[in-house]
Amino acid sequence: MATYFQLCSWTEQGAKNVKNLPARIKAGKQAVEAVGVKMKGVYAVMGLAHADLIAIFDAPDDETAAKAAMTISSMGSVRTQTVRAFTEQEVQKIVTSLP
């Protein structure tokens, strides 16, 4: 399984309904787990100009990660940017395979 970080920024709808955040996080986790990802955590963050939340999840492939991103975005409260994260072991494997 590959690890992904999903940076989420509030939409106008999401900002207006911030008091519902705990329920929305729970619903979001259930929705993305239904498409095949394993949630590792959701964090509210500060100090990033373009992110209010960061979700970390594992997915078997990029297509499943894309489904998760589309699922969360379609709920209307956040816009997402999903990035692939490589573990130290994965980086070691990549580096040792360099010509």
N, C-alpha and C. Protein backbone atom coordinates (compact mmCIF):
# COMPACT_ATOMS: atom_id res chain seq x y z
N MET A 1 0.86 -1.19 0.00
CA MET A 1 0.00 0.00 0.00
C MET A 1 0.90 1.24 0.00
N ALA A 2 0.49 2.23 -0.75
CA ALA A 2 1.20 3.50 -0.80
C ALA A 2 0.54 4.49 0.14
N THR A 3 1.33 5.45 0.63
CA THR A 3 0.82 6.47 1.54
C THR A 3 0.61 7.77 0.79
N TYR A 4 -0.47 8.46 1.13
CA TYR A 4 -0.82 9.73 0.51
C TYR A 4 -1.16 10.75 1.59
N PHE A 5 -0.79 11.99 1.34
CA PHE A 5 -1.20 13.12 2.17
C PHE A 5 -2.21 13.90 1.35
N GLN A 6 -3.33 14.22 1.95
CA GLN A 6 -4.35 15.00 1.26
C GLN A 6 -4.50 16.32 2.00
N LEU A 7 -4.10 17.39 1.33
CA LEU A 7 -4.24 18.73 1.90
C LEU A 7 -5.62 19.24 1.54
N CYS A 8 -6.37 19.65 2.54
CA CYS A 8 -7.76 20.07 2.35
C CYS A 8 -7.92 21.52 2.76
N SER A 9 -8.58 22.29 1.92
CA SER A 9 -8.87 23.69 2.26
C SER A 9 -10.38 23.88 2.22
N TRP A 10 -10.89 24.68 3.16
CA TRP A 10 -12.32 24.90 3.27
C TRP A 10 -12.90 25.51 2.00
N THR A 11 -14.06 25.06 1.63
CA THR A 11 -14.88 25.78 0.67
C THR A 11 -15.71 26.76 1.51
N GLU A 12 -16.47 27.61 0.86
CA GLU A 12 -17.34 28.52 1.60
C GLU A 12 -18.32 27.71 2.47
N GLN A 13 -18.87 26.65 1.90
CA GLN A 13 -19.80 25.77 2.63
C GLN A 13 -19.11 25.15 3.84
N GLY A 14 -17.89 24.68 3.67
CA GLY A 14 -17.16 24.05 4.77
C GLY A 14 -16.86 25.03 5.89
N ALA A 15 -16.48 26.26 5.55
CA ALA A 15 -16.18 27.26 6.57
C ALA A 15 -17.44 27.64 7.35
N LYS A 16 -18.56 27.77 6.64
CA LYS A 16 -19.81 28.13 7.32
C LYS A 16 -20.27 27.05 8.29
N ASN A 17 -19.94 25.80 7.99
CA ASN A 17 -20.41 24.67 8.80
C ASN A 17 -19.30 24.03 9.63
N VAL A 18 -18.31 24.82 10.02
CA VAL A 18 -17.15 24.27 10.72
C VAL A 18 -17.53 23.58 12.04
N LYS A 19 -18.61 23.98 12.65
CA LYS A 19 -19.02 23.34 13.90
C LYS A 19 -19.39 21.87 13.70
N ASN A 20 -19.68 21.49 12.48
CA ASN A 20 -20.02 20.10 12.16
C ASN A 20 -18.78 19.28 11.79
N LEU A 21 -17.59 19.84 12.00
CA LEU A 21 -16.36 19.18 11.56
C LEU A 21 -16.21 17.75 12.09
N PRO A 22 -16.41 17.48 13.38
CA PRO A 22 -16.24 16.09 13.83
C PRO A 22 -17.12 15.09 13.09
N ALA A 23 -18.36 15.44 12.84
CA ALA A 23 -19.26 14.55 12.11
C ALA A 23 -18.83 14.42 10.65
N ARG A 24 -18.35 15.53 10.06
CA ARG A 24 -17.90 15.47 8.67
C ARG A 24 -16.65 14.63 8.53
N ILE A 25 -15.74 14.71 9.50
CA ILE A 25 -14.54 13.86 9.45
C ILE A 25 -14.95 12.40 9.50
N LYS A 26 -15.85 12.07 10.41
CA LYS A 26 -16.31 10.68 10.53
C LYS A 26 -16.95 10.20 9.22
N ALA A 27 -17.82 11.02 8.65
CA ALA A 27 -18.49 10.65 7.39
C ALA A 27 -17.48 10.52 6.26
N GLY A 28 -16.51 11.42 6.22
CA GLY A 28 -15.47 11.37 5.18
C GLY A 28 -14.64 10.11 5.29
N LYS A 29 -14.25 9.75 6.51
CA LYS A 29 -13.48 8.52 6.71
C LYS A 29 -14.26 7.30 6.21
N GLN A 30 -15.53 7.23 6.57
CA GLN A 30 -16.35 6.09 6.15
C GLN A 30 -16.47 6.05 4.62
N ALA A 31 -16.63 7.22 4.01
CA ALA A 31 -16.81 7.27 2.55
C ALA A 31 -15.55 6.81 1.82
N VAL A 32 -14.37 7.26 2.26
CA VAL A 32 -13.15 6.88 1.54
C VAL A 32 -12.74 5.44 1.85
N GLU A 33 -13.03 4.99 3.05
CA GLU A 33 -12.74 3.58 3.34
C GLU A 33 -13.60 2.67 2.49
N ALA A 34 -14.79 3.12 2.12
CA ALA A 34 -15.68 2.34 1.26
C ALA A 34 -15.12 2.19 -0.16
N VAL A 35 -14.25 3.12 -0.59
CA VAL A 35 -13.66 3.00 -1.93
C VAL A 35 -12.31 2.30 -1.90
N GLY A 36 -11.86 1.89 -0.69
CA GLY A 36 -10.67 1.05 -0.62
C GLY A 36 -9.42 1.64 0.02
N VAL A 37 -9.53 2.77 0.69
CA VAL A 37 -8.35 3.31 1.35
C VAL A 37 -8.41 3.03 2.85
N LYS A 38 -7.25 3.08 3.49
CA LYS A 38 -7.17 2.91 4.94
C LYS A 38 -6.73 4.25 5.53
N MET A 39 -7.61 4.87 6.28
CA MET A 39 -7.30 6.16 6.89
C MET A 39 -6.32 5.98 8.04
N LYS A 40 -5.29 6.82 8.05
CA LYS A 40 -4.32 6.82 9.15
C LYS A 40 -4.61 7.96 10.13
N GLY A 41 -5.20 9.04 9.62
CA GLY A 41 -5.53 10.16 10.50
C GLY A 41 -5.94 11.39 9.74
N VAL A 42 -6.64 12.28 10.44
CA VAL A 42 -7.03 13.58 9.92
C VAL A 42 -6.60 14.61 10.95
N TYR A 43 -5.92 15.65 10.49
CA TYR A 43 -5.36 16.66 11.38
C TYR A 43 -5.79 18.05 10.94
N ALA A 44 -6.28 18.85 11.88
CA ALA A 44 -6.49 20.27 11.63
C ALA A 44 -5.12 20.92 11.76
N VAL A 45 -4.77 21.79 10.82
CA VAL A 45 -3.44 22.40 10.83
C VAL A 45 -3.55 23.92 10.75
N MET A 46 -2.50 24.56 11.17
CA MET A 46 -2.41 26.01 11.04
C MET A 46 -1.04 26.35 10.51
N GLY A 47 -0.95 27.50 9.86
CA GLY A 47 0.33 27.94 9.33
C GLY A 47 0.53 27.64 7.86
N LEU A 48 -0.39 26.93 7.24
CA LEU A 48 -0.30 26.67 5.81
C LEU A 48 -1.32 27.55 5.10
N ALA A 49 -0.88 28.30 4.13
CA ALA A 49 -1.78 29.22 3.42
C ALA A 49 -2.85 28.47 2.64
N HIS A 50 -2.57 27.25 2.23
CA HIS A 50 -3.49 26.55 1.34
C HIS A 50 -4.09 25.27 1.94
N ALA A 51 -3.99 25.08 3.26
CA ALA A 51 -4.57 23.87 3.84
C ALA A 51 -5.09 24.15 5.25
N ASP A 52 -6.28 23.63 5.52
CA ASP A 52 -6.89 23.72 6.85
C ASP A 52 -6.88 22.37 7.56
N LEU A 53 -6.83 21.31 6.76
CA LEU A 53 -6.80 19.94 7.28
C LEU A 53 -5.81 19.14 6.45
N ILE A 54 -5.21 18.13 7.07
CA ILE A 54 -4.40 17.17 6.33
C ILE A 54 -4.89 15.78 6.70
N ALA A 55 -5.23 15.01 5.69
CA ALA A 55 -5.61 13.61 5.89
C ALA A 55 -4.45 12.74 5.40
N ILE A 56 -4.17 11.69 6.12
CA ILE A 56 -3.13 10.74 5.72
C ILE A 56 -3.80 9.39 5.56
N PHE A 57 -3.58 8.78 4.38
CA PHE A 57 -4.21 7.48 4.14
C PHE A 57 -3.32 6.61 3.28
N ASP A 58 -3.58 5.32 3.34
CA ASP A 58 -2.92 4.34 2.48
C ASP A 58 -3.91 3.88 1.43
N ALA A 59 -3.41 3.67 0.22
CA ALA A 59 -4.23 3.16 -0.87
C ALA A 59 -3.41 2.16 -1.67
N PRO A 60 -4.06 1.19 -2.27
CA PRO A 60 -3.33 0.17 -3.03
C PRO A 60 -2.73 0.69 -4.34
N ASP A 61 -3.29 1.80 -4.86
CA ASP A 61 -2.80 2.34 -6.13
C ASP A 61 -3.30 3.78 -6.30
N ASP A 62 -2.76 4.45 -7.32
CA ASP A 62 -3.14 5.85 -7.58
C ASP A 62 -4.62 6.00 -7.94
N GLU A 63 -5.17 5.01 -8.63
CA GLU A 63 -6.57 5.11 -9.01
C GLU A 63 -7.47 5.14 -7.77
N THR A 64 -7.17 4.31 -6.79
CA THR A 64 -7.95 4.30 -5.56
C THR A 64 -7.77 5.60 -4.80
N ALA A 65 -6.55 6.13 -4.78
CA ALA A 65 -6.30 7.43 -4.13
C ALA A 65 -7.09 8.53 -4.83
N ALA A 66 -7.17 8.47 -6.16
CA ALA A 66 -7.95 9.46 -6.90
C ALA A 66 -9.44 9.34 -6.57
N LYS A 67 -9.94 8.12 -6.44
CA LYS A 67 -11.34 7.93 -6.03
C LYS A 67 -11.60 8.56 -4.67
N ALA A 68 -10.66 8.36 -3.75
CA ALA A 68 -10.81 8.94 -2.41
C ALA A 68 -10.85 10.46 -2.49
N ALA A 69 -9.96 11.05 -3.29
CA ALA A 69 -9.93 12.51 -3.44
C ALA A 69 -11.24 13.02 -4.04
N MET A 70 -11.72 12.34 -5.06
CA MET A 70 -12.98 12.75 -5.70
C MET A 70 -14.16 12.58 -4.75
N THR A 71 -14.13 11.53 -3.96
CA THR A 71 -15.20 11.28 -2.99
C THR A 71 -15.26 12.42 -1.98
N ILE A 72 -14.12 12.79 -1.42
CA ILE A 72 -14.07 13.87 -0.43
C ILE A 72 -14.47 15.20 -1.06
N SER A 73 -13.94 15.50 -2.23
CA SER A 73 -14.28 16.77 -2.90
C SER A 73 -15.76 16.87 -3.22
N SER A 74 -16.36 15.75 -3.59
CA SER A 74 -17.78 15.78 -3.97
C SER A 74 -18.70 16.04 -2.77
N MET A 75 -18.18 15.92 -1.57
CA MET A 75 -18.99 16.19 -0.38
C MET A 75 -19.18 17.69 -0.17
N GLY A 76 -18.36 18.52 -0.83
CA GLY A 76 -18.61 19.95 -0.89
C GLY A 76 -17.99 20.83 0.18
N SER A 77 -17.36 20.28 1.19
CA SER A 77 -16.85 21.12 2.27
C SER A 77 -15.39 21.51 2.11
N VAL A 78 -14.64 20.74 1.33
CA VAL A 78 -13.22 21.04 1.12
C VAL A 78 -12.82 20.82 -0.33
N ARG A 79 -11.75 21.53 -0.70
CA ARG A 79 -11.04 21.26 -1.94
C ARG A 79 -9.80 20.47 -1.55
N THR A 80 -9.38 19.55 -2.38
CA THR A 80 -8.26 18.70 -1.99
C THR A 80 -7.09 18.80 -2.95
N GLN A 81 -5.92 18.52 -2.40
CA GLN A 81 -4.71 18.32 -3.19
C GLN A 81 -4.05 17.10 -2.59
N THR A 82 -3.88 16.05 -3.38
CA THR A 82 -3.37 14.79 -2.86
C THR A 82 -1.97 14.56 -3.39
N VAL A 83 -1.06 14.21 -2.48
CA VAL A 83 0.33 13.96 -2.86
C VAL A 83 0.77 12.59 -2.37
N ARG A 84 1.59 11.96 -3.14
CA ARG A 84 2.14 10.64 -2.78
C ARG A 84 3.33 10.86 -1.85
N ALA A 85 3.39 10.11 -0.77
CA ALA A 85 4.50 10.17 0.17
C ALA A 85 5.27 8.85 0.10
N PHE A 86 6.59 8.95 0.15
CA PHE A 86 7.44 7.77 0.09
C PHE A 86 8.09 7.54 1.46
N THR A 87 8.06 6.31 1.94
CA THR A 87 8.70 5.98 3.21
C THR A 87 10.22 5.99 3.03
N GLU A 88 10.93 5.96 4.15
CA GLU A 88 12.39 5.89 4.07
C GLU A 88 12.84 4.66 3.30
N GLN A 89 12.16 3.53 3.51
CA GLN A 89 12.52 2.30 2.81
C GLN A 89 12.28 2.43 1.31
N GLU A 90 11.17 3.08 0.93
CA GLU A 90 10.89 3.27 -0.50
C GLU A 90 11.93 4.18 -1.13
N VAL A 91 12.31 5.24 -0.42
CA VAL A 91 13.34 6.14 -0.94
C VAL A 91 14.66 5.40 -1.10
N GLN A 92 15.01 4.58 -0.12
CA GLN A 92 16.25 3.79 -0.20
C GLN A 92 16.25 2.91 -1.43
N LYS A 93 15.13 2.25 -1.68
CA LYS A 93 15.01 1.38 -2.86
C LYS A 93 15.16 2.17 -4.15
N ILE A 94 14.53 3.35 -4.20
CA ILE A 94 14.62 4.20 -5.38
C ILE A 94 16.06 4.66 -5.59
N VAL A 95 16.69 5.12 -4.53
CA VAL A 95 18.06 5.65 -4.63
C VAL A 95 19.05 4.56 -5.04
N THR A 96 18.89 3.37 -4.47
CA THR A 96 19.84 2.30 -4.81
C THR A 96 19.64 1.80 -6.24
N SER A 97 18.51 2.09 -6.84
CA SER A 97 18.29 1.65 -8.22
C SER A 97 18.73 2.69 -9.25
N LEU A 98 19.22 3.84 -8.77
CA LEU A 98 19.68 4.87 -9.71
C LEU A 98 20.93 4.38 -10.46
N PRO A 99 21.04 4.78 -11.72
CA PRO A 99 22.22 4.35 -12.50
C PRO A 99 23.50 5.02 -11.99
